[in-house]
Amino acid sequence: MAPLPGAELVQRPLQLYRYLLRCCRQLPTKGIQEHYKHAVRQNFLVHADEDDPERIRQIIQRAIEDADWILNKYKKQN
């Protein structure tokens, strides 16, 4: 299950970046939101030169799974 509607439509890195930033808005506090926004930006920069389509697909899939896990983690705490 995806954290936000539209996860299945994410195909390109920029779409993933925007999607993950939208996911950050679902987190409970401003501090937590900023922490994960920073992590998203850093990971985007680290993988910006990736050009293997299969590797990009893997990164996108893993990032969506991780976002789902993080959002579920904070939902359980509240």
PDB file of N, CA and C in Angstrom:
ATOM      1  N   MET A   1       0.832  -1.179   0.000  1.00  0.00           N
ATOM      2  CA  MET A   1       0.000   0.000   0.000  1.00  0.00           C
ATOM      3  C   MET A   1       0.878   1.243   0.000  1.00  0.00           C
ATOM      4  N   ALA A   2       0.594   2.176  -0.879  1.00  0.00           N
ATOM      5  CA  ALA A   2       1.393   3.384  -1.011  1.00  0.00           C
ATOM      6  C   ALA A   2       0.968   4.432   0.018  1.00  0.00           C
ATOM      7  N   PRO A   3       1.910   5.258   0.450  1.00  0.00           N
ATOM      8  CA  PRO A   3       1.596   6.255   1.452  1.00  0.00           C
ATOM      9  C   PRO A   3       0.614   7.325   0.968  1.00  0.00           C
ATOM     10  N   LEU A   4       0.676   7.708  -0.271  1.00  0.00           N
ATOM     11  CA  LEU A   4      -0.229   8.701  -0.849  1.00  0.00           C
ATOM     12  C   LEU A   4      -0.746   8.190  -2.182  1.00  0.00           C
ATOM     13  N   PRO A   5      -1.934   8.621  -2.570  1.00  0.00           N
ATOM     14  CA  PRO A   5      -2.417   8.242  -3.902  1.00  0.00           C
ATOM     15  C   PRO A   5      -1.464   8.766  -4.977  1.00  0.00           C
ATOM     16  N   GLY A   6      -1.299   8.002  -6.012  1.00  0.00           N
ATOM     17  CA  GLY A   6      -0.444   8.419  -7.115  1.00  0.00           C
ATOM     18  C   GLY A   6       0.933   7.790  -7.109  1.00  0.00           C
ATOM     19  N   ALA A   7       1.256   7.015  -6.097  1.00  0.00           N
ATOM     20  CA  ALA A   7       2.587   6.401  -6.035  1.00  0.00           C
ATOM     21  C   ALA A   7       2.828   5.504  -7.237  1.00  0.00           C
ATOM     22  N   GLU A   8       1.768   4.850  -7.701  1.00  0.00           N
ATOM     23  CA  GLU A   8       1.926   3.946  -8.846  1.00  0.00           C
ATOM     24  C   GLU A   8       2.233   4.693 -10.128  1.00  0.00           C
ATOM     25  N   LEU A   9       2.023   6.013 -10.157  1.00  0.00           N
ATOM     26  CA  LEU A   9       2.288   6.814 -11.347  1.00  0.00           C
ATOM     27  C   LEU A   9       3.711   7.351 -11.405  1.00  0.00           C
ATOM     28  N   VAL A  10       4.456   7.206 -10.309  1.00  0.00           N
ATOM     29  CA  VAL A  10       5.823   7.731 -10.253  1.00  0.00           C
ATOM     30  C   VAL A  10       6.716   6.882 -11.142  1.00  0.00           C
ATOM     31  N   GLN A  11       7.260   7.506 -12.172  1.00  0.00           N
ATOM     32  CA  GLN A  11       8.108   6.804 -13.133  1.00  0.00           C
ATOM     33  C   GLN A  11       9.493   7.437 -13.272  1.00  0.00           C
ATOM     34  N   ARG A  12       9.592   8.725 -12.988  1.00  0.00           N
ATOM     35  CA  ARG A  12      10.836   9.457 -13.208  1.00  0.00           C
ATOM     36  C   ARG A  12      11.331  10.064 -11.905  1.00  0.00           C
ATOM     37  N   PRO A  13      12.642  10.341 -11.815  1.00  0.00           N
ATOM     38  CA  PRO A  13      13.212  10.860 -10.569  1.00  0.00           C
ATOM     39  C   PRO A  13      12.558  12.162 -10.081  1.00  0.00           C
ATOM     40  N   LEU A  14      12.261  13.081 -10.966  1.00  0.00           N
ATOM     41  CA  LEU A  14      11.643  14.328 -10.530  1.00  0.00           C
ATOM     42  C   LEU A  14      10.244  14.081  -9.972  1.00  0.00           C
ATOM     43  N   GLN A  15       9.517  13.151 -10.551  1.00  0.00           N
ATOM     44  CA  GLN A  15       8.204  12.779 -10.016  1.00  0.00           C
ATOM     45  C   GLN A  15       8.358  12.199  -8.611  1.00  0.00           C
ATOM     46  N   LEU A  16       9.369  11.377  -8.429  1.00  0.00           N
ATOM     47  CA  LEU A  16       9.631  10.792  -7.109  1.00  0.00           C
ATOM     48  C   LEU A  16       9.959  11.886  -6.101  1.00  0.00           C
ATOM     49  N   TYR A  17      10.808  12.814  -6.489  1.00  0.00           N
ATOM     50  CA  TYR A  17      11.207  13.907  -5.609  1.00  0.00           C
ATOM     51  C   TYR A  17       9.983  14.683  -5.121  1.00  0.00           C
ATOM     52  N   ARG A  18       9.111  15.055  -6.039  1.00  0.00           N
ATOM     53  CA  ARG A  18       7.900  15.795  -5.680  1.00  0.00           C
ATOM     54  C   ARG A  18       6.973  14.953  -4.800  1.00  0.00           C
ATOM     55  N   TYR A  19       6.850  13.696  -5.157  1.00  0.00           N
ATOM     56  CA  TYR A  19       5.999  12.782  -4.391  1.00  0.00           C
ATOM     57  C   TYR A  19       6.490  12.672  -2.945  1.00  0.00           C
ATOM     58  N   LEU A  20       7.799  12.507  -2.772  1.00  0.00           N
ATOM     59  CA  LEU A  20       8.352  12.355  -1.424  1.00  0.00           C
ATOM     60  C   LEU A  20       8.208  13.637  -0.605  1.00  0.00           C
ATOM     61  N   LEU A  21       8.344  14.790  -1.246  1.00  0.00           N
ATOM     62  CA  LEU A  21       8.132  16.043  -0.531  1.00  0.00           C
ATOM     63  C   LEU A  21       6.677  16.175  -0.094  1.00  0.00           C
ATOM     64  N   ARG A  22       5.743  15.702  -0.919  1.00  0.00           N
ATOM     65  CA  ARG A  22       4.329  15.698  -0.508  1.00  0.00           C
ATOM     66  C   ARG A  22       4.123  14.748   0.671  1.00  0.00           C
ATOM     67  N   CYS A  23       4.804  13.626   0.660  1.00  0.00           N
ATOM     68  CA  CYS A  23       4.715  12.693   1.787  1.00  0.00           C
ATOM     69  C   CYS A  23       5.197  13.352   3.078  1.00  0.00           C
ATOM     70  N   CYS A  24       6.235  14.163   2.979  1.00  0.00           N
ATOM     71  CA  CYS A  24       6.774  14.836   4.166  1.00  0.00           C
ATOM     72  C   CYS A  24       5.728  15.723   4.828  1.00  0.00           C
ATOM     73  N   ARG A  25       4.826  16.292   4.047  1.00  0.00           N
ATOM     74  CA  ARG A  25       3.781  17.158   4.603  1.00  0.00           C
ATOM     75  C   ARG A  25       2.813  16.381   5.494  1.00  0.00           C
ATOM     76  N   GLN A  26       2.795  15.057   5.370  1.00  0.00           N
ATOM     77  CA  GLN A  26       1.897  14.225   6.161  1.00  0.00           C
ATOM     78  C   GLN A  26       2.463  13.911   7.542  1.00  0.00           C
ATOM     79  N   LEU A  27       3.721  14.230   7.772  1.00  0.00           N
ATOM     80  CA  LEU A  27       4.364  13.924   9.050  1.00  0.00           C
ATOM     81  C   LEU A  27       3.887  14.885  10.132  1.00  0.00           C
ATOM     82  N   PRO A  28       3.919  14.456  11.401  1.00  0.00           N
ATOM     83  CA  PRO A  28       3.233  15.193  12.466  1.00  0.00           C
ATOM     84  C   PRO A  28       3.818  16.553  12.860  1.00  0.00           C
ATOM     85  N   THR A  29       5.130  16.694  12.934  1.00  0.00           N
ATOM     86  CA  THR A  29       5.692  17.966  13.412  1.00  0.00           C
ATOM     87  C   THR A  29       6.594  18.595  12.359  1.00  0.00           C
ATOM     88  N   LYS A  30       6.774  19.899  12.488  1.00  0.00           N
ATOM     89  CA  LYS A  30       7.616  20.637  11.548  1.00  0.00           C
ATOM     90  C   LYS A  30       9.052  20.118  11.573  1.00  0.00           C
ATOM     91  N   GLY A  31       9.554  19.797  12.749  1.00  0.00           N
ATOM     92  CA  GLY A  31      10.923  19.293  12.863  1.00  0.00           C
ATOM     93  C   GLY A  31      11.123  17.977  12.126  1.00  0.00           C
ATOM     94  N   ILE A  32      10.182  17.080  12.284  1.00  0.00           N
ATOM     95  CA  ILE A  32      10.260  15.786  11.591  1.00  0.00           C
ATOM     96  C   ILE A  32      10.135  16.005  10.085  1.00  0.00           C
ATOM     97  N   GLN A  33       9.223  16.884   9.682  1.00  0.00           N
ATOM     98  CA  GLN A  33       9.050  17.184   8.250  1.00  0.00           C
ATOM     99  C   GLN A  33      10.351  17.699   7.653  1.00  0.00           C
ATOM    100  N   GLU A  34      10.991  18.645   8.337  1.00  0.00           N
ATOM    101  CA  GLU A  34      12.234  19.227   7.824  1.00  0.00           C
ATOM    102  C   GLU A  34      13.354  18.188   7.768  1.00  0.00           C
ATOM    103  N   HIS A  35      13.403  17.315   8.755  1.00  0.00           N
ATOM    104  CA  HIS A  35      14.424  16.250   8.759  1.00  0.00           C
ATOM    105  C   HIS A  35      14.305  15.386   7.508  1.00  0.00           C
ATOM    106  N   TYR A  36      13.092  14.927   7.213  1.00  0.00           N
ATOM    107  CA  TYR A  36      12.915  14.040   6.071  1.00  0.00           C
ATOM    108  C   TYR A  36      13.007  14.786   4.746  1.00  0.00           C
ATOM    109  N   LYS A  37      12.616  16.058   4.700  1.00  0.00           N
ATOM    110  CA  LYS A  37      12.803  16.855   3.477  1.00  0.00           C
ATOM    111  C   LYS A  37      14.288  16.967   3.152  1.00  0.00           C
ATOM    112  N   HIS A  38      15.079  17.184   4.191  1.00  0.00           N
ATOM    113  CA  HIS A  38      16.531  17.274   4.001  1.00  0.00           C
ATOM    114  C   HIS A  38      17.076  15.940   3.475  1.00  0.00           C
ATOM    115  N   ALA A  39      16.606  14.843   4.051  1.00  0.00           N
ATOM    116  CA  ALA A  39      17.061  13.521   3.606  1.00  0.00           C
ATOM    117  C   ALA A  39      16.671  13.272   2.149  1.00  0.00           C
ATOM    118  N   VAL A  40      15.465  13.688   1.757  1.00  0.00           N
ATOM    119  CA  VAL A  40      15.019  13.525   0.370  1.00  0.00           C
ATOM    120  C   VAL A  40      15.933  14.312  -0.560  1.00  0.00           C
ATOM    121  N   ARG A  41      16.203  15.564  -0.209  1.00  0.00           N
ATOM    122  CA  ARG A  41      17.074  16.407  -1.052  1.00  0.00           C
ATOM    123  C   ARG A  41      18.463  15.800  -1.189  1.00  0.00           C
ATOM    124  N   GLN A  42      19.027  15.349  -0.083  1.00  0.00           N
ATOM    125  CA  GLN A  42      20.376  14.777  -0.119  1.00  0.00           C
ATOM    126  C   GLN A  42      20.426  13.521  -0.983  1.00  0.00           C
ATOM    127  N   ASN A  43      19.440  12.659  -0.846  1.00  0.00           N
ATOM    128  CA  ASN A  43      19.422  11.437  -1.646  1.00  0.00           C
ATOM    129  C   ASN A  43      19.202  11.735  -3.125  1.00  0.00           C
ATOM    130  N   PHE A  44      18.402  12.748  -3.409  1.00  0.00           N
ATOM    131  CA  PHE A  44      18.201  13.147  -4.801  1.00  0.00           C
ATOM    132  C   PHE A  44      19.528  13.598  -5.405  1.00  0.00           C
ATOM    133  N   LEU A  45      20.295  14.388  -4.667  1.00  0.00           N
ATOM    134  CA  LEU A  45      21.584  14.864  -5.165  1.00  0.00           C
ATOM    135  C   LEU A  45      22.589  13.726  -5.321  1.00  0.00           C
ATOM    136  N   VAL A  46      22.587  12.794  -4.379  1.00  0.00           N
ATOM    137  CA  VAL A  46      23.522  11.664  -4.430  1.00  0.00           C
ATOM    138  C   VAL A  46      23.275  10.808  -5.673  1.00  0.00           C
ATOM    139  N   HIS A  47      22.007  10.636  -6.035  1.00  0.00           N
ATOM    140  CA  HIS A  47      21.664   9.755  -7.155  1.00  0.00           C
ATOM    141  C   HIS A  47      21.380  10.501  -8.448  1.00  0.00           C
ATOM    142  N   ALA A  48      21.677  11.804  -8.496  1.00  0.00           N
ATOM    143  CA  ALA A  48      21.342  12.630  -9.668  1.00  0.00           C
ATOM    144  C   ALA A  48      22.031  12.156 -10.944  1.00  0.00           C
ATOM    145  N   ASP A  49      23.202  11.549 -10.843  1.00  0.00           N
ATOM    146  CA  ASP A  49      23.918  11.128 -12.044  1.00  0.00           C
ATOM    147  C   ASP A  49      23.629   9.679 -12.446  1.00  0.00           C
ATOM    148  N   GLU A  50      22.681   9.051 -11.784  1.00  0.00           N
ATOM    149  CA  GLU A  50      22.306   7.663 -12.117  1.00  0.00           C
ATOM    150  C   GLU A  50      21.655   7.634 -13.499  1.00  0.00           C
ATOM    151  N   ASP A  51      22.140   6.746 -14.369  1.00  0.00           N
ATOM    152  CA  ASP A  51      21.575   6.698 -15.722  1.00  0.00           C
ATOM    153  C   ASP A  51      21.096   5.303 -16.140  1.00  0.00           C
ATOM    154  N   ASP A  52      21.244   4.325 -15.276  1.00  0.00           N
ATOM    155  CA  ASP A  52      20.768   2.981 -15.581  1.00  0.00           C
ATOM    156  C   ASP A  52      19.269   2.897 -15.270  1.00  0.00           C
ATOM    157  N   PRO A  53      18.428   2.671 -16.288  1.00  0.00           N
ATOM    158  CA  PRO A  53      16.975   2.652 -16.068  1.00  0.00           C
ATOM    159  C   PRO A  53      16.521   1.631 -15.020  1.00  0.00           C
ATOM    160  N   GLU A  54      17.153   0.485 -14.974  1.00  0.00           N
ATOM    161  CA  GLU A  54      16.780  -0.535 -13.995  1.00  0.00           C
ATOM    162  C   GLU A  54      17.113  -0.073 -12.583  1.00  0.00           C
ATOM    163  N   ARG A  55      18.272   0.526 -12.415  1.00  0.00           N
ATOM    164  CA  ARG A  55      18.671   1.034 -11.098  1.00  0.00           C
ATOM    165  C   ARG A  55      17.730   2.174 -10.661  1.00  0.00           C
ATOM    166  N   ILE A  56      17.361   3.041 -11.575  1.00  0.00           N
ATOM    167  CA  ILE A  56      16.429   4.128 -11.274  1.00  0.00           C
ATOM    168  C   ILE A  56      15.094   3.546 -10.821  1.00  0.00           C
ATOM    169  N   ARG A  57      14.624   2.525 -11.496  1.00  0.00           N
ATOM    170  CA  ARG A  57      13.365   1.877 -11.120  1.00  0.00           C
ATOM    171  C   ARG A  57      13.466   1.306  -9.707  1.00  0.00           C
ATOM    172  N   GLN A  58      14.601   0.679  -9.392  1.00  0.00           N
ATOM    173  CA  GLN A  58      14.803   0.118  -8.057  1.00  0.00           C
ATOM    174  C   GLN A  58      14.812   1.206  -6.985  1.00  0.00           C
ATOM    175  N   ILE A  59      15.477   2.310  -7.278  1.00  0.00           N
ATOM    176  CA  ILE A  59      15.547   3.417  -6.328  1.00  0.00           C
ATOM    177  C   ILE A  59      14.150   3.975  -6.071  1.00  0.00           C
ATOM    178  N   ILE A  60      13.372   4.156  -7.136  1.00  0.00           N
ATOM    179  CA  ILE A  60      12.011   4.677  -7.004  1.00  0.00           C
ATOM    180  C   ILE A  60      11.162   3.734  -6.158  1.00  0.00           C
ATOM    181  N   GLN A  61      11.216   2.452  -6.465  1.00  0.00           N
ATOM    182  CA  GLN A  61      10.426   1.468  -5.720  1.00  0.00           C
ATOM    183  C   GLN A  61      10.805   1.466  -4.244  1.00  0.00           C
ATOM    184  N   ARG A  62      12.083   1.466  -3.963  1.00  0.00           N
ATOM    185  CA  ARG A  62      12.556   1.432  -2.573  1.00  0.00           C
ATOM    186  C   ARG A  62      12.172   2.706  -1.831  1.00  0.00           C
ATOM    187  N   ALA A  63      12.280   3.847  -2.498  1.00  0.00           N
ATOM    188  CA  ALA A  63      11.940   5.118  -1.857  1.00  0.00           C
ATOM    189  C   ALA A  63      10.457   5.172  -1.491  1.00  0.00           C
ATOM    190  N   ILE A  64       9.601   4.673  -2.348  1.00  0.00           N
ATOM    191  CA  ILE A  64       8.164   4.654  -2.057  1.00  0.00           C
ATOM    192  C   ILE A  64       7.880   3.709  -0.896  1.00  0.00           C
ATOM    193  N   GLU A  65       8.524   2.553  -0.878  1.00  0.00           N
ATOM    194  CA  GLU A  65       8.354   1.615   0.236  1.00  0.00           C
ATOM    195  C   GLU A  65       8.827   2.239   1.552  1.00  0.00           C
ATOM    196  N   ASP A  66       9.960   2.927   1.511  1.00  0.00           N
ATOM    197  CA  ASP A  66      10.488   3.571   2.710  1.00  0.00           C
ATOM    198  C   ASP A  66       9.557   4.682   3.200  1.00  0.00           C
ATOM    199  N   ALA A  67       9.010   5.454   2.266  1.00  0.00           N
ATOM    200  CA  ALA A  67       8.073   6.521   2.640  1.00  0.00           C
ATOM    201  C   ALA A  67       6.845   5.925   3.317  1.00  0.00           C
ATOM    202  N   ASP A  68       6.356   4.822   2.790  1.00  0.00           N
ATOM    203  CA  ASP A  68       5.207   4.137   3.379  1.00  0.00           C
ATOM    204  C   ASP A  68       5.531   3.694   4.805  1.00  0.00           C
ATOM    205  N   TRP A  69       6.687   3.110   4.994  1.00  0.00           N
ATOM    206  CA  TRP A  69       7.102   2.646   6.315  1.00  0.00           C
ATOM    207  C   TRP A  69       7.195   3.811   7.301  1.00  0.00           C
ATOM    208  N   ILE A  70       7.802   4.921   6.868  1.00  0.00           N
ATOM    209  CA  ILE A  70       7.971   6.078   7.745  1.00  0.00           C
ATOM    210  C   ILE A  70       6.618   6.660   8.138  1.00  0.00           C
ATOM    211  N   LEU A  71       5.726   6.822   7.165  1.00  0.00           N
ATOM    212  CA  LEU A  71       4.407   7.376   7.481  1.00  0.00           C
ATOM    213  C   LEU A  71       3.633   6.457   8.415  1.00  0.00           C
ATOM    214  N   ASN A  72       3.719   5.158   8.196  1.00  0.00           N
ATOM    215  CA  ASN A  72       3.044   4.211   9.099  1.00  0.00           C
ATOM    216  C   ASN A  72       3.642   4.264  10.501  1.00  0.00           C
ATOM    217  N   LYS A  73       4.934   4.439  10.596  1.00  0.00           N
ATOM    218  CA  LYS A  73       5.613   4.531  11.890  1.00  0.00           C
ATOM    219  C   LYS A  73       5.060   5.704  12.695  1.00  0.00           C
ATOM    220  N   TYR A  74       4.905   6.847  12.067  1.00  0.00           N
ATOM    221  CA  TYR A  74       4.415   8.023  12.792  1.00  0.00           C
ATOM    222  C   TYR A  74       2.917   7.979  13.033  1.00  0.00           C
ATOM    223  N   LYS A  75       2.166   7.284  12.203  1.00  0.00           N
ATOM    224  CA  LYS A  75       0.732   7.129  12.448  1.00  0.00           C
ATOM    225  C   LYS A  75       0.482   6.266  13.677  1.00  0.00           C
ATOM    226  N   LYS A  76       1.325   5.247  13.861  1.00  0.00           N
ATOM    227  CA  LYS A  76       1.173   4.351  15.020  1.00  0.00           C
ATOM    228  C   LYS A  76       1.498   5.062  16.323  1.00  0.00           C
ATOM    229  N   GLN A  77       2.392   6.037  16.284  1.00  0.00           N
ATOM    230  CA  GLN A  77       2.794   6.755  17.495  1.00  0.00           C
ATOM    231  C   GLN A  77       1.707   7.712  17.963  1.00  0.00           C
ATOM    232  N   ASN A  78       0.870   8.164  17.061  1.00  0.00           N
ATOM    233  CA  ASN A  78      -0.162   9.143  17.436  1.00  0.00           C
ATOM    234  C   ASN A  78      -1.438   8.495  17.883  1.00  0.00           C
TER     235      ASN A  78
END
